[in-house]
PDB file of N, CA and C in Angstrom:
ATOM      1  N   UNK A   1      32.376 -18.343 -32.575  1.00  0.00           N
ATOM      2  CA  UNK A   1      31.232 -18.354 -32.305  1.00  0.00           C
ATOM      3  C   UNK A   1      30.214 -16.991 -33.066  1.00  0.00           C
ATOM      4  N   UNK A   2      28.830 -17.434 -32.589  1.00  0.00           N
ATOM      5  CA  UNK A   2      27.789 -17.097 -33.468  1.00  0.00           C
ATOM      6  C   UNK A   2      27.151 -15.579 -32.846  1.00  0.00           C
ATOM      7  N   UNK A   3      26.588 -15.000 -32.521  1.00  0.00           N
ATOM      8  CA  UNK A   3      27.030 -14.073 -32.042  1.00  0.00           C
ATOM      9  C   UNK A   3      24.995 -14.034 -30.926  1.00  0.00           C
ATOM     10  N   UNK A   4      24.345 -14.461 -32.246  1.00  0.00           N
ATOM     11  CA  UNK A   4      22.646 -14.223 -31.640  1.00  0.00           C
ATOM     12  C   UNK A   4      23.068 -15.659 -31.053  1.00  0.00           C
ATOM     13  N   UNK A   5      23.275 -16.788 -30.698  1.00  0.00           N
ATOM     14  CA  UNK A   5      23.706 -17.548 -29.504  1.00  0.00           C
ATOM     15  C   UNK A   5      24.068 -17.584 -28.711  1.00  0.00           C
ATOM     16  N   UNK A   6      25.398 -16.283 -28.865  1.00  0.00           N
ATOM     17  CA  UNK A   6      26.071 -15.816 -27.400  1.00  0.00           C
ATOM     18  C   UNK A   6      25.348 -15.221 -26.383  1.00  0.00           C
ATOM     19  N   UNK A   7      23.951 -14.180 -27.484  1.00  0.00           N
ATOM     20  CA  UNK A   7      23.537 -13.205 -26.817  1.00  0.00           C
ATOM     21  C   UNK A   7      22.291 -14.189 -26.604  1.00  0.00           C
ATOM     22  N   UNK A   8      21.498 -14.656 -26.565  1.00  0.00           N
ATOM     23  CA  UNK A   8      20.911 -16.195 -26.063  1.00  0.00           C
ATOM     24  C   UNK A   8      20.803 -16.303 -25.075  1.00  0.00           C
ATOM     25  N   UNK A   9      21.963 -17.250 -24.886  1.00  0.00           N
ATOM     26  CA  UNK A   9      22.494 -17.350 -24.240  1.00  0.00           C
ATOM     27  C   UNK A   9      22.890 -16.499 -22.702  1.00  0.00           C
ATOM     28  N   UNK A  10      23.335 -15.428 -23.055  1.00  0.00           N
ATOM     29  CA  UNK A  10      23.154 -14.252 -22.149  1.00  0.00           C
ATOM     30  C   UNK A  10      22.074 -13.829 -21.893  1.00  0.00           C
ATOM     31  N   UNK A  11      20.475 -13.905 -22.509  1.00  0.00           N
ATOM     32  CA  UNK A  11      19.671 -13.294 -22.129  1.00  0.00           C
ATOM     33  C   UNK A  11      19.333 -14.486 -21.141  1.00  0.00           C
ATOM     34  N   UNK A  12      19.035 -16.316 -21.292  1.00  0.00           N
ATOM     35  CA  UNK A  12      18.738 -17.438 -20.270  1.00  0.00           C
ATOM     36  C   UNK A  12      19.626 -16.727 -18.754  1.00  0.00           C
ATOM     37  N   UNK A  13      20.919 -16.881 -18.805  1.00  0.00           N
ATOM     38  CA  UNK A  13      21.511 -16.588 -17.884  1.00  0.00           C
ATOM     39  C   UNK A  13      21.122 -15.674 -17.204  1.00  0.00           C
ATOM     40  N   UNK A  14      20.663 -14.277 -17.406  1.00  0.00           N
ATOM     41  CA  UNK A  14      19.899 -13.604 -17.124  1.00  0.00           C
ATOM     42  C   UNK A  14      18.884 -13.528 -16.040  1.00  0.00           C
ATOM     43  N   UNK A  15      17.566 -14.142 -16.768  1.00  0.00           N
ATOM     44  CA  UNK A  15      16.722 -14.665 -16.493  1.00  0.00           C
ATOM     45  C   UNK A  15      16.796 -15.846 -15.253  1.00  0.00           C
ATOM     46  N   UNK A  16      17.665 -16.780 -15.242  1.00  0.00           N
ATOM     47  CA  UNK A  16      17.681 -17.239 -14.712  1.00  0.00           C
ATOM     48  C   UNK A  16      18.136 -17.134 -12.781  1.00  0.00           C
ATOM     49  N   UNK A  17      19.200 -15.836 -13.185  1.00  0.00           N
ATOM     50  CA  UNK A  17      20.134 -15.061 -12.152  1.00  0.00           C
ATOM     51  C   UNK A  17      18.752 -14.485 -11.303  1.00  0.00           C
ATOM     52  N   UNK A  18      18.018 -13.538 -11.940  1.00  0.00           N
ATOM     53  CA  UNK A  18      17.164 -12.733 -11.670  1.00  0.00           C
ATOM     54  C   UNK A  18      15.573 -13.523 -10.459  1.00  0.00           C
ATOM     55  N   UNK A  19      15.892 -14.998 -11.422  1.00  0.00           N
ATOM     56  CA  UNK A  19      14.913 -15.938 -10.726  1.00  0.00           C
ATOM     57  C   UNK A  19      14.939 -15.734  -9.297  1.00  0.00           C
ATOM     58  N   UNK A  20      16.329 -16.669  -8.887  1.00  0.00           N
ATOM     59  CA  UNK A  20      17.162 -16.722  -7.920  1.00  0.00           C
ATOM     60  C   UNK A  20      17.186 -15.979  -7.484  1.00  0.00           C
ATOM     61  N   UNK A  21      17.846 -14.554  -7.372  1.00  0.00           N
ATOM     62  CA  UNK A  21      18.492 -13.806  -6.356  1.00  0.00           C
ATOM     63  C   UNK A  21      17.078 -12.927  -6.268  1.00  0.00           C
ATOM     64  N   UNK A  22      16.335 -12.646  -6.556  1.00  0.00           N
ATOM     65  CA  UNK A  22      14.839 -11.972  -7.349  1.00  0.00           C
ATOM     66  C   UNK A  22      13.993 -11.433  -5.337  1.00  0.00           C
ATOM     67  N   UNK A  23      13.502 -12.971  -4.773  1.00  0.00           N
ATOM     68  CA  UNK A  23      13.489 -13.143  -3.857  1.00  0.00           C
ATOM     69  C   UNK A  23      14.235 -12.742  -2.743  1.00  0.00           C
ATOM     70  N   UNK A  24      16.179 -12.974  -2.478  1.00  0.00           N
ATOM     71  CA  UNK A  24      16.474 -11.962  -1.495  1.00  0.00           C
ATOM     72  C   UNK A  24      16.705 -11.074  -1.716  1.00  0.00           C
ATOM     73  N   UNK A  25      16.901 -10.116  -2.689  1.00  0.00           N
ATOM     74  CA  UNK A  25      16.803  -9.140  -3.309  1.00  0.00           C
ATOM     75  C   UNK A  25      15.466  -8.314  -2.168  1.00  0.00           C
ATOM     76  N   UNK A  26      14.298  -8.827  -2.378  1.00  0.00           N
ATOM     77  CA  UNK A  26      13.483  -8.049  -2.035  1.00  0.00           C
ATOM     78  C   UNK A  26      13.110  -8.068  -0.203  1.00  0.00           C
ATOM     79  N   UNK A  27      13.551  -9.592  -0.414  1.00  0.00           N
ATOM     80  CA  UNK A  27      13.522  -9.130   0.732  1.00  0.00           C
ATOM     81  C   UNK A  27      14.773  -8.154   1.994  1.00  0.00           C
ATOM     82  N   UNK A  28      15.874  -8.191   1.451  1.00  0.00           N
ATOM     83  CA  UNK A  28      16.832  -7.319   2.018  1.00  0.00           C
ATOM     84  C   UNK A  28      16.209  -5.797   1.701  1.00  0.00           C
ATOM     85  N   UNK A  29      15.660  -5.562   0.605  1.00  0.00           N
ATOM     86  CA  UNK A  29      15.071  -4.118   0.941  1.00  0.00           C
ATOM     87  C   UNK A  29      14.269  -3.791   2.325  1.00  0.00           C
ATOM     88  N   UNK A  30      13.149  -4.717   1.962  1.00  0.00           N
ATOM     89  CA  UNK A  30      11.790  -4.878   3.031  1.00  0.00           C
ATOM     90  C   UNK A  30      12.597  -4.374   5.153  1.00  0.00           C
ATOM     91  N   UNK A  31      13.991  -5.410   4.527  1.00  0.00           N
ATOM     92  CA  UNK A  31      14.860  -5.429   5.626  1.00  0.00           C
ATOM     93  C   UNK A  31      14.906  -3.569   6.228  1.00  0.00           C
ATOM     94  N   UNK A  32      15.495  -2.912   4.578  1.00  0.00           N
ATOM     95  CA  UNK A  32      16.013  -1.482   4.548  1.00  0.00           C
ATOM     96  C   UNK A  32      14.854  -0.823   5.232  1.00  0.00           C
ATOM     97  N   UNK A  33      13.725  -1.130   5.267  1.00  0.00           N
ATOM     98  CA  UNK A  33      12.341   0.037   4.895  1.00  0.00           C
ATOM     99  C   UNK A  33      11.844  -0.392   6.300  1.00  0.00           C
ATOM    100  N   UNK A  34      12.988  -1.870   7.523  1.00  0.00           N
ATOM    101  CA  UNK A  34      12.044  -2.067   8.362  1.00  0.00           C
ATOM    102  C   UNK A  34      11.012  -3.017   8.602  1.00  0.00           C
ATOM    103  N   UNK A  35      10.505  -3.232   7.088  1.00  0.00           N
ATOM    104  CA  UNK A  35       9.056  -3.859   7.351  1.00  0.00           C
ATOM    105  C   UNK A  35       9.137  -5.204   7.554  1.00  0.00           C
ATOM    106  N   UNK A  36       8.414  -5.692   7.740  1.00  0.00           N
ATOM    107  CA  UNK A  36       8.455  -7.414   7.549  1.00  0.00           C
ATOM    108  C   UNK A  36       7.606  -7.927   5.766  1.00  0.00           C
ATOM    109  N   UNK A  37       8.082  -8.890   5.745  1.00  0.00           N
ATOM    110  CA  UNK A  37       7.730  -9.857   4.816  1.00  0.00           C
ATOM    111  C   UNK A  37       6.421  -9.731   5.069  1.00  0.00           C
ATOM    112  N   UNK A  38       5.065  -9.935   3.930  1.00  0.00           N
ATOM    113  CA  UNK A  38       4.229 -10.674   4.327  1.00  0.00           C
ATOM    114  C   UNK A  38       4.128 -11.768   3.836  1.00  0.00           C
ATOM    115  N   UNK A  39       3.339 -12.988   5.051  1.00  0.00           N
ATOM    116  CA  UNK A  39       3.067 -14.230   4.949  1.00  0.00           C
ATOM    117  C   UNK A  39       1.441 -14.404   5.267  1.00  0.00           C
ATOM    118  N   UNK A  40       0.743 -14.690   4.399  1.00  0.00           N
ATOM    119  CA  UNK A  40      -0.412 -15.609   4.770  1.00  0.00           C
ATOM    120  C   UNK A  40      -0.599 -17.043   4.642  1.00  0.00           C
ATOM    121  N   UNK A  41      -1.407 -17.173   5.634  1.00  0.00           N
ATOM    122  CA  UNK A  41      -1.651 -18.276   5.629  1.00  0.00           C
ATOM    123  C   UNK A  41      -2.637 -19.054   6.283  1.00  0.00           C
ATOM    124  N   UNK A  42      -3.896 -19.379   5.446  1.00  0.00           N
ATOM    125  CA  UNK A  42      -5.210 -19.871   5.741  1.00  0.00           C
ATOM    126  C   UNK A  42      -6.140 -20.994   6.362  1.00  0.00           C
ATOM    127  N   UNK A  43      -6.146 -21.904   6.887  1.00  0.00           N
ATOM    128  CA  UNK A  43      -6.215 -23.041   6.504  1.00  0.00           C
ATOM    129  C   UNK A  43      -7.370 -23.337   6.091  1.00  0.00           C
ATOM    130  N   UNK A  44      -8.566 -24.460   5.309  1.00  0.00           N
ATOM    131  CA  UNK A  44     -10.015 -23.712   5.313  1.00  0.00           C
ATOM    132  C   UNK A  44     -10.360 -25.253   5.320  1.00  0.00           C
ATOM    133  N   UNK A  45     -11.537 -26.328   5.806  1.00  0.00           N
ATOM    134  CA  UNK A  45     -12.038 -27.507   5.826  1.00  0.00           C
ATOM    135  C   UNK A  45     -13.773 -26.903   5.039  1.00  0.00           C
ATOM    136  N   UNK A  46     -13.882 -27.842   4.487  1.00  0.00           N
ATOM    137  CA  UNK A  46     -14.924 -28.126   4.279  1.00  0.00           C
ATOM    138  C   UNK A  46     -15.844 -29.215   4.160  1.00  0.00           C
ATOM    139  N   UNK A  47     -16.869 -29.779   4.899  1.00  0.00           N
ATOM    140  CA  UNK A  47     -17.437 -30.745   4.723  1.00  0.00           C
ATOM    141  C   UNK A  47     -18.493 -30.658   4.591  1.00  0.00           C
ATOM    142  N   UNK A  48     -19.131 -31.932   4.304  1.00  0.00           N
ATOM    143  CA  UNK A  48     -21.003 -32.319   4.200  1.00  0.00           C
ATOM    144  C   UNK A  48     -21.420 -31.565   5.046  1.00  0.00           C
ATOM    145  N   UNK A  49     -20.641 -31.757   6.362  1.00  0.00           N
ATOM    146  CA  UNK A  49     -21.447 -31.811   7.110  1.00  0.00           C
ATOM    147  C   UNK A  49     -21.533 -29.720   7.692  1.00  0.00           C
ATOM    148  N   UNK A  50     -21.726 -29.521   6.732  1.00  0.00           N
ATOM    149  CA  UNK A  50     -21.003 -27.865   6.893  1.00  0.00           C
ATOM    150  C   UNK A  50     -22.314 -27.125   5.747  1.00  0.00           C
ATOM    151  N   UNK A  51     -22.766 -28.196   4.694  1.00  0.00           N
ATOM    152  CA  UNK A  51     -24.351 -27.960   4.235  1.00  0.00           C
ATOM    153  C   UNK A  51     -25.212 -28.216   4.933  1.00  0.00           C
ATOM    154  N   UNK A  52     -26.116 -27.601   5.401  1.00  0.00           N
ATOM    155  CA  UNK A  52     -26.969 -27.647   5.829  1.00  0.00           C
ATOM    156  C   UNK A  52     -28.932 -28.659   5.038  1.00  0.00           C
ATOM    157  N   UNK A  53     -29.169 -29.218   5.748  1.00  0.00           N
ATOM    158  CA  UNK A  53     -29.657 -30.098   4.946  1.00  0.00           C
ATOM    159  C   UNK A  53     -31.293 -28.898   4.451  1.00  0.00           C
ATOM    160  N   UNK A  54     -31.685 -29.866   3.438  1.00  0.00           N
ATOM    161  CA  UNK A  54     -32.906 -29.678   2.659  1.00  0.00           C
ATOM    162  C   UNK A  54     -32.341 -27.700   2.147  1.00  0.00           C
ATOM    163  N   UNK A  55     -31.254 -27.758   1.715  1.00  0.00           N
ATOM    164  CA  UNK A  55     -30.475 -26.742   1.042  1.00  0.00           C
ATOM    165  C   UNK A  55     -30.015 -26.419  -0.032  1.00  0.00           C
ATOM    166  N   UNK A  56     -31.153 -26.564  -0.791  1.00  0.00           N
ATOM    167  CA  UNK A  56     -30.379 -26.544  -2.592  1.00  0.00           C
ATOM    168  C   UNK A  56     -28.822 -26.305  -2.741  1.00  0.00           C
ATOM    169  N   UNK A  57     -28.600 -25.387  -2.032  1.00  0.00           N
ATOM    170  CA  UNK A  57     -28.309 -23.785  -3.032  1.00  0.00           C
ATOM    171  C   UNK A  57     -26.104 -24.423  -2.034  1.00  0.00           C
ATOM    172  N   UNK A  58     -25.591 -25.109  -2.638  1.00  0.00           N
ATOM    173  CA  UNK A  58     -24.886 -25.778  -2.079  1.00  0.00           C
ATOM    174  C   UNK A  58     -23.260 -24.701  -1.675  1.00  0.00           C
ATOM    175  N   UNK A  59     -23.866 -24.441  -3.805  1.00  0.00           N
ATOM    176  CA  UNK A  59     -22.661 -23.617  -3.510  1.00  0.00           C
ATOM    177  C   UNK A  59     -22.092 -21.736  -2.913  1.00  0.00           C
ATOM    178  N   UNK A  60     -23.566 -21.668  -2.638  1.00  0.00           N
ATOM    179  CA  UNK A  60     -23.669 -20.110  -1.811  1.00  0.00           C
ATOM    180  C   UNK A  60     -23.812 -20.879  -0.133  1.00  0.00           C
ATOM    181  N   UNK A  61     -23.735 -21.887   0.337  1.00  0.00           N
ATOM    182  CA  UNK A  61     -23.500 -21.885   1.321  1.00  0.00           C
ATOM    183  C   UNK A  61     -21.961 -22.668   2.148  1.00  0.00           C
ATOM    184  N   UNK A  62     -20.809 -22.935   0.996  1.00  0.00           N
ATOM    185  CA  UNK A  62     -19.690 -22.054   0.716  1.00  0.00           C
ATOM    186  C   UNK A  62     -18.766 -21.116   1.424  1.00  0.00           C
ATOM    187  N   UNK A  63     -19.907 -20.124  -0.162  1.00  0.00           N
ATOM    188  CA  UNK A  63     -19.437 -18.961  -0.174  1.00  0.00           C
ATOM    189  C   UNK A  63     -19.547 -18.567   1.199  1.00  0.00           C
ATOM    190  N   UNK A  64     -20.819 -18.675   1.474  1.00  0.00           N
ATOM    191  CA  UNK A  64     -21.295 -17.448   2.348  1.00  0.00           C
ATOM    192  C   UNK A  64     -20.042 -18.147   4.175  1.00  0.00           C
ATOM    193  N   UNK A  65     -19.749 -19.178   3.843  1.00  0.00           N
ATOM    194  CA  UNK A  65     -18.617 -19.689   5.305  1.00  0.00           C
ATOM    195  C   UNK A  65     -16.974 -19.647   4.497  1.00  0.00           C
ATOM    196  N   UNK A  66     -17.146 -19.129   3.500  1.00  0.00           N
ATOM    197  CA  UNK A  66     -15.797 -18.796   2.856  1.00  0.00           C
ATOM    198  C   UNK A  66     -15.547 -17.388   3.725  1.00  0.00           C
ATOM    199  N   UNK A  67     -16.726 -16.716   3.246  1.00  0.00           N
ATOM    200  CA  UNK A  67     -16.314 -15.478   3.286  1.00  0.00           C
ATOM    201  C   UNK A  67     -16.568 -15.087   5.125  1.00  0.00           C
ATOM    202  N   UNK A  68     -17.036 -15.694   5.992  1.00  0.00           N
ATOM    203  CA  UNK A  68     -16.885 -15.502   7.076  1.00  0.00           C
ATOM    204  C   UNK A  68     -15.426 -15.893   7.740  1.00  0.00           C
ATOM    205  N   UNK A  69     -15.600 -17.318   7.154  1.00  0.00           N
ATOM    206  CA  UNK A  69     -13.597 -17.708   7.236  1.00  0.00           C
ATOM    207  C   UNK A  69     -12.076 -15.978   7.134  1.00  0.00           C
ATOM    208  N   UNK A  70     -13.044 -15.106   6.430  1.00  0.00           N
ATOM    209  CA  UNK A  70     -12.129 -14.657   5.756  1.00  0.00           C
ATOM    210  C   UNK A  70     -12.386 -12.938   5.631  1.00  0.00           C
ATOM    211  N   UNK A  71     -13.441 -12.876   6.768  1.00  0.00           N
ATOM    212  CA  UNK A  71     -13.893 -11.630   7.491  1.00  0.00           C
ATOM    213  C   UNK A  71     -14.973 -11.012   6.457  1.00  0.00           C
ATOM    214  N   UNK A  72     -15.046 -11.738   6.043  1.00  0.00           N
ATOM    215  CA  UNK A  72     -15.922 -10.662   4.160  1.00  0.00           C
ATOM    216  C   UNK A  72     -17.183 -10.581   4.715  1.00  0.00           C
ATOM    217  N   UNK A  73     -18.148 -10.268   4.858  1.00  0.00           N
ATOM    218  CA  UNK A  73     -19.332  -9.880   4.854  1.00  0.00           C
ATOM    219  C   UNK A  73     -20.595  -9.121   3.966  1.00  0.00           C
ATOM    220  N   UNK A  74     -20.760  -9.968   2.395  1.00  0.00           N
ATOM    221  CA  UNK A  74     -21.160  -9.660   1.745  1.00  0.00           C
ATOM    222  C   UNK A  74     -22.588  -9.272   2.026  1.00  0.00           C
ATOM    223  N   UNK A  75     -23.829  -8.100   2.171  1.00  0.00           N
ATOM    224  CA  UNK A  75     -25.658  -8.293   2.222  1.00  0.00           C
ATOM    225  C   UNK A  75     -25.794  -9.491   1.116  1.00  0.00           C
ATOM    226  N   UNK A  76     -26.736 -10.039   1.445  1.00  0.00           N
ATOM    227  CA  UNK A  76     -27.164 -10.091   0.066  1.00  0.00           C
ATOM    228  C   UNK A  76     -28.319  -9.431  -0.189  1.00  0.00           C
ATOM    229  N   UNK A  77     -27.865 -10.279  -2.070  1.00  0.00           N
ATOM    230  CA  UNK A  77     -28.669  -9.056  -2.649  1.00  0.00           C
ATOM    231  C   UNK A  77     -30.485  -9.618  -2.776  1.00  0.00           C
ATOM    232  N   UNK A  78     -31.091  -7.954  -3.067  1.00  0.00           N
ATOM    233  CA  UNK A  78     -32.760  -8.334  -2.721  1.00  0.00           C
ATOM    234  C   UNK A  78     -32.828  -7.975  -3.971  1.00  0.00           C
ATOM    235  N   UNK A  79     -33.445  -8.814  -4.955  1.00  0.00           N
ATOM    236  CA  UNK A  79     -33.643  -8.952  -5.922  1.00  0.00           C
ATOM    237  C   UNK A  79     -35.527  -9.172  -6.289  1.00  0.00           C
ATOM    238  N   UNK A  80     -36.204  -7.870  -6.919  1.00  0.00           N
ATOM    239  CA  UNK A  80     -37.657  -8.009  -6.778  1.00  0.00           C
ATOM    240  C   UNK A  80     -38.293  -8.005  -8.329  1.00  0.00           C
ATOM    241  N   UNK A  81     -39.084  -8.144  -9.128  1.00  0.00           N
ATOM    242  CA  UNK A  81     -39.527  -8.254 -10.277  1.00  0.00           C
ATOM    243  C   UNK A  81     -40.443  -7.018 -10.549  1.00  0.00           C
ATOM    244  N   UNK A  82     -40.682  -6.620 -10.896  1.00  0.00           N
ATOM    245  CA  UNK A  82     -40.959  -5.205 -11.570  1.00  0.00           C
ATOM    246  C   UNK A  82     -41.833  -5.992 -12.131  1.00  0.00           C
ATOM    247  N   UNK A  83     -43.198  -5.466 -11.788  1.00  0.00           N
ATOM    248  CA  UNK A  83     -43.903  -5.124 -12.290  1.00  0.00           C
ATOM    249  C   UNK A  83     -44.971  -4.195 -12.333  1.00  0.00           C
ATOM    250  N   UNK A  84     -44.562  -2.828 -12.465  1.00  0.00           N
ATOM    251  CA  UNK A  84     -45.518  -1.853 -12.221  1.00  0.00           C
ATOM    252  C   UNK A  84     -46.335  -1.470 -13.703  1.00  0.00           C
ATOM    253  N   UNK A  85     -47.290  -0.883 -14.053  1.00  0.00           N
ATOM    254  CA  UNK A  85     -48.505  -0.402 -14.745  1.00  0.00           C
ATOM    255  C   UNK A  85     -48.233   1.020 -14.644  1.00  0.00           C
ATOM    256  N   UNK A  86     -48.289   1.278 -15.560  1.00  0.00           N
ATOM    257  CA  UNK A  86     -48.627   3.158 -16.044  1.00  0.00           C
ATOM    258  C   UNK A  86     -50.084   3.725 -16.097  1.00  0.00           C
ATOM    259  N   UNK A  87     -50.662   3.884 -14.281  1.00  0.00           N
ATOM    260  CA  UNK A  87     -52.124   4.286 -14.836  1.00  0.00           C
ATOM    261  C   UNK A  87     -52.708   5.207 -15.687  1.00  0.00           C
ATOM    262  N   UNK A  88     -52.020   6.012 -16.281  1.00  0.00           N
ATOM    263  CA  UNK A  88     -52.323   6.718 -17.770  1.00  0.00           C
ATOM    264  C   UNK A  88     -53.006   5.477 -18.518  1.00  0.00           C
ATOM    265  N   UNK A  89     -51.884   4.623 -19.399  1.00  0.00           N
ATOM    266  CA  UNK A  89     -52.487   3.686 -20.123  1.00  0.00           C
ATOM    267  C   UNK A  89     -52.762   2.891 -19.719  1.00  0.00           C
ATOM    268  N   UNK A  90     -52.202   2.216 -19.153  1.00  0.00           N
ATOM    269  CA  UNK A  90     -52.708   0.545 -18.608  1.00  0.00           C
ATOM    270  C   UNK A  90     -51.714  -0.872 -18.808  1.00  0.00           C
ATOM    271  N   UNK A  91     -50.145   0.507 -19.771  1.00  0.00           N
ATOM    272  CA  UNK A  91     -49.827  -0.989 -20.365  1.00  0.00           C
ATOM    273  C   UNK A  91     -48.421  -1.268 -19.063  1.00  0.00           C
ATOM    274  N   UNK A  92     -48.077  -2.131 -18.443  1.00  0.00           N
ATOM    275  CA  UNK A  92     -46.298  -2.650 -17.693  1.00  0.00           C
ATOM    276  C   UNK A  92     -45.916  -1.980 -18.467  1.00  0.00           C
ATOM    277  N   UNK A  93     -45.164  -1.200 -17.632  1.00  0.00           N
ATOM    278  CA  UNK A  93     -43.834  -0.501 -18.035  1.00  0.00           C
ATOM    279  C   UNK A  93     -42.551  -1.278 -17.637  1.00  0.00           C
ATOM    280  N   UNK A  94     -41.759  -0.770 -19.301  1.00  0.00           N
ATOM    281  CA  UNK A  94     -40.613  -1.794 -19.362  1.00  0.00           C
ATOM    282  C   UNK A  94     -39.575  -1.138 -18.188  1.00  0.00           C
ATOM    283  N   UNK A  95     -38.902  -2.011 -17.286  1.00  0.00           N
ATOM    284  CA  UNK A  95     -37.798  -1.800 -16.075  1.00  0.00           C
ATOM    285  C   UNK A  95     -36.851  -1.254 -17.102  1.00  0.00           C
ATOM    286  N   UNK A  96     -36.439  -1.299 -17.886  1.00  0.00           N
ATOM    287  CA  UNK A  96     -35.421  -1.000 -18.749  1.00  0.00           C
ATOM    288  C   UNK A  96     -34.885   0.505 -19.615  1.00  0.00           C
ATOM    289  N   UNK A  97     -35.816   1.046 -19.664  1.00  0.00           N
ATOM    290  CA  UNK A  97     -36.588   2.241 -20.376  1.00  0.00           C
ATOM    291  C   UNK A  97     -35.368   3.093 -19.628  1.00  0.00           C
ATOM    292  N   UNK A  98     -35.232   3.615 -18.922  1.00  0.00           N
ATOM    293  CA  UNK A  98     -34.511   4.749 -18.606  1.00  0.00           C
ATOM    294  C   UNK A  98     -32.915   4.118 -18.507  1.00  0.00           C
ATOM    295  N   UNK A  99     -32.697   3.067 -18.683  1.00  0.00           N
ATOM    296  CA  UNK A  99     -31.419   2.610 -19.080  1.00  0.00           C
ATOM    297  C   UNK A  99     -30.823   2.610 -20.707  1.00  0.00           C
ATOM    298  N   UNK A 100     -31.806   2.236 -21.202  1.00  0.00           N
ATOM    299  CA  UNK A 100     -32.592   1.986 -23.052  1.00  0.00           C
ATOM    300  C   UNK A 100     -32.060   4.449 -23.112  1.00  0.00           C
ATOM    301  N   UNK A 101     -33.457   4.505 -22.596  1.00  0.00           N
ATOM    302  CA  UNK A 101     -33.348   6.285 -22.967  1.00  0.00           C
ATOM    303  C   UNK A 101     -32.333   6.948 -22.182  1.00  0.00           C
ATOM    304  N   UNK A 102     -31.299   6.626 -21.733  1.00  0.00           N
ATOM    305  CA  UNK A 102     -29.434   6.560 -20.693  1.00  0.00           C
ATOM    306  C   UNK A 102     -28.522   6.941 -22.267  1.00  0.00           C
ATOM    307  N   UNK A 103     -28.940   5.265 -22.236  1.00  0.00           N
ATOM    308  CA  UNK A 103     -27.573   5.260 -23.456  1.00  0.00           C
ATOM    309  C   UNK A 103     -28.006   5.173 -25.029  1.00  0.00           C
ATOM    310  N   UNK A 104     -29.628   6.260 -25.084  1.00  0.00           N
ATOM    311  CA  UNK A 104     -29.360   6.412 -26.723  1.00  0.00           C
ATOM    312  C   UNK A 104     -28.752   8.169 -25.797  1.00  0.00           C
ATOM    313  N   UNK A 105     -28.944   8.426 -25.263  1.00  0.00           N
ATOM    314  CA  UNK A 105     -28.672   9.539 -25.057  1.00  0.00           C
ATOM    315  C   UNK A 105     -27.283  10.205 -25.023  1.00  0.00           C
ATOM    316  N   UNK A 106     -26.796   9.174 -25.242  1.00  0.00           N
ATOM    317  CA  UNK A 106     -25.345   9.468 -24.356  1.00  0.00           C
ATOM    318  C   UNK A 106     -24.265   8.406 -25.682  1.00  0.00           C
ATOM    319  N   UNK A 107     -25.095   8.122 -26.595  1.00  0.00           N
ATOM    320  CA  UNK A 107     -24.108   6.827 -27.237  1.00  0.00           C
ATOM    321  C   UNK A 107     -23.779   8.520 -28.936  1.00  0.00           C
ATOM    322  N   UNK A 108     -22.715   8.172 -29.679  1.00  0.00           N
ATOM    323  CA  UNK A 108     -21.540   8.896 -30.349  1.00  0.00           C
ATOM    324  C   UNK A 108     -22.463   8.097 -31.869  1.00  0.00           C
ATOM    325  N   UNK A 109     -22.216   9.285 -32.675  1.00  0.00           N
ATOM    326  CA  UNK A 109     -22.442   9.413 -33.743  1.00  0.00           C
ATOM    327  C   UNK A 109     -21.788   7.499 -34.304  1.00  0.00           C
ATOM    328  N   UNK A 110     -21.048   7.358 -33.840  1.00  0.00           N
ATOM    329  CA  UNK A 110     -20.069   6.577 -34.269  1.00  0.00           C
ATOM    330  C   UNK A 110     -20.790   4.969 -34.051  1.00  0.00           C
ATOM    331  N   UNK A 111     -21.125   5.190 -32.267  1.00  0.00           N
ATOM    332  CA  UNK A 111     -22.304   3.877 -32.024  1.00  0.00           C
ATOM    333  C   UNK A 111     -23.585   4.229 -32.359  1.00  0.00           C
ATOM    334  N   UNK A 112     -24.096   4.655 -32.929  1.00  0.00           N
ATOM    335  CA  UNK A 112     -25.619   4.940 -33.464  1.00  0.00           C
ATOM    336  C   UNK A 112     -25.317   4.389 -34.893  1.00  0.00           C
ATOM    337  N   UNK A 113     -24.028   4.587 -35.780  1.00  0.00           N
ATOM    338  CA  UNK A 113     -24.067   4.155 -37.002  1.00  0.00           C
ATOM    339  C   UNK A 113     -23.907   2.900 -37.053  1.00  0.00           C
ATOM    340  N   UNK A 114     -23.229   2.234 -35.857  1.00  0.00           N
ATOM    341  CA  UNK A 114     -22.733   0.777 -35.888  1.00  0.00           C
ATOM    342  C   UNK A 114     -23.874   0.138 -35.599  1.00  0.00           C
ATOM    343  N   UNK A 115     -24.904   0.538 -34.433  1.00  0.00           N
ATOM    344  CA  UNK A 115     -26.221  -0.185 -34.427  1.00  0.00           C
ATOM    345  C   UNK A 115     -27.136  -0.099 -36.088  1.00  0.00           C
ATOM    346  N   UNK A 116     -27.147   1.198 -36.840  1.00  0.00           N
ATOM    347  CA  UNK A 116     -27.497   0.771 -37.795  1.00  0.00           C
ATOM    348  C   UNK A 116     -27.415  -0.809 -39.195  1.00  0.00           C
ATOM    349  N   UNK A 117     -25.908  -0.630 -38.851  1.00  0.00           N
ATOM    350  CA  UNK A 117     -25.379  -1.893 -39.821  1.00  0.00           C
ATOM    351  C   UNK A 117     -25.711  -3.036 -39.412  1.00  0.00           C
ATOM    352  N   UNK A 118     -26.432  -2.957 -38.264  1.00  0.00           N
ATOM    353  CA  UNK A 118     -26.981  -4.021 -37.593  1.00  0.00           C
ATOM    354  C   UNK A 118     -27.580  -5.230 -38.649  1.00  0.00           C
ATOM    355  N   UNK A 119     -28.797  -3.982 -38.899  1.00  0.00           N
ATOM    356  CA  UNK A 119     -29.599  -4.576 -39.245  1.00  0.00           C
ATOM    357  C   UNK A 119     -30.062  -3.524 -40.225  1.00  0.00           C
TER     358      UNK A 119
END
């Protein structure tokens, strides 16, 4: 018999055995530790009646309902437009200026060289 074919058959048999026996091995191990196996089951229904009339954002409505059903309350982020003006110069302040300055200060020489190669 060809050795390569024989090894392949053994590997396939071992994989099949592991797939069949692994759940039982895990259950035995959990029983030894006196732990119960974790089983989660949550039914969730959503219909058009759950959508608030006049609300075009159906995804947000679905997301909030699912969050409530699974006990996850996420605060809604407050987004605001930054229209600050520098009083000394009268020009608008770039809201990303602090981020850009921080990124520039923390760049390695390789990062800077890579940026120089862009253009």
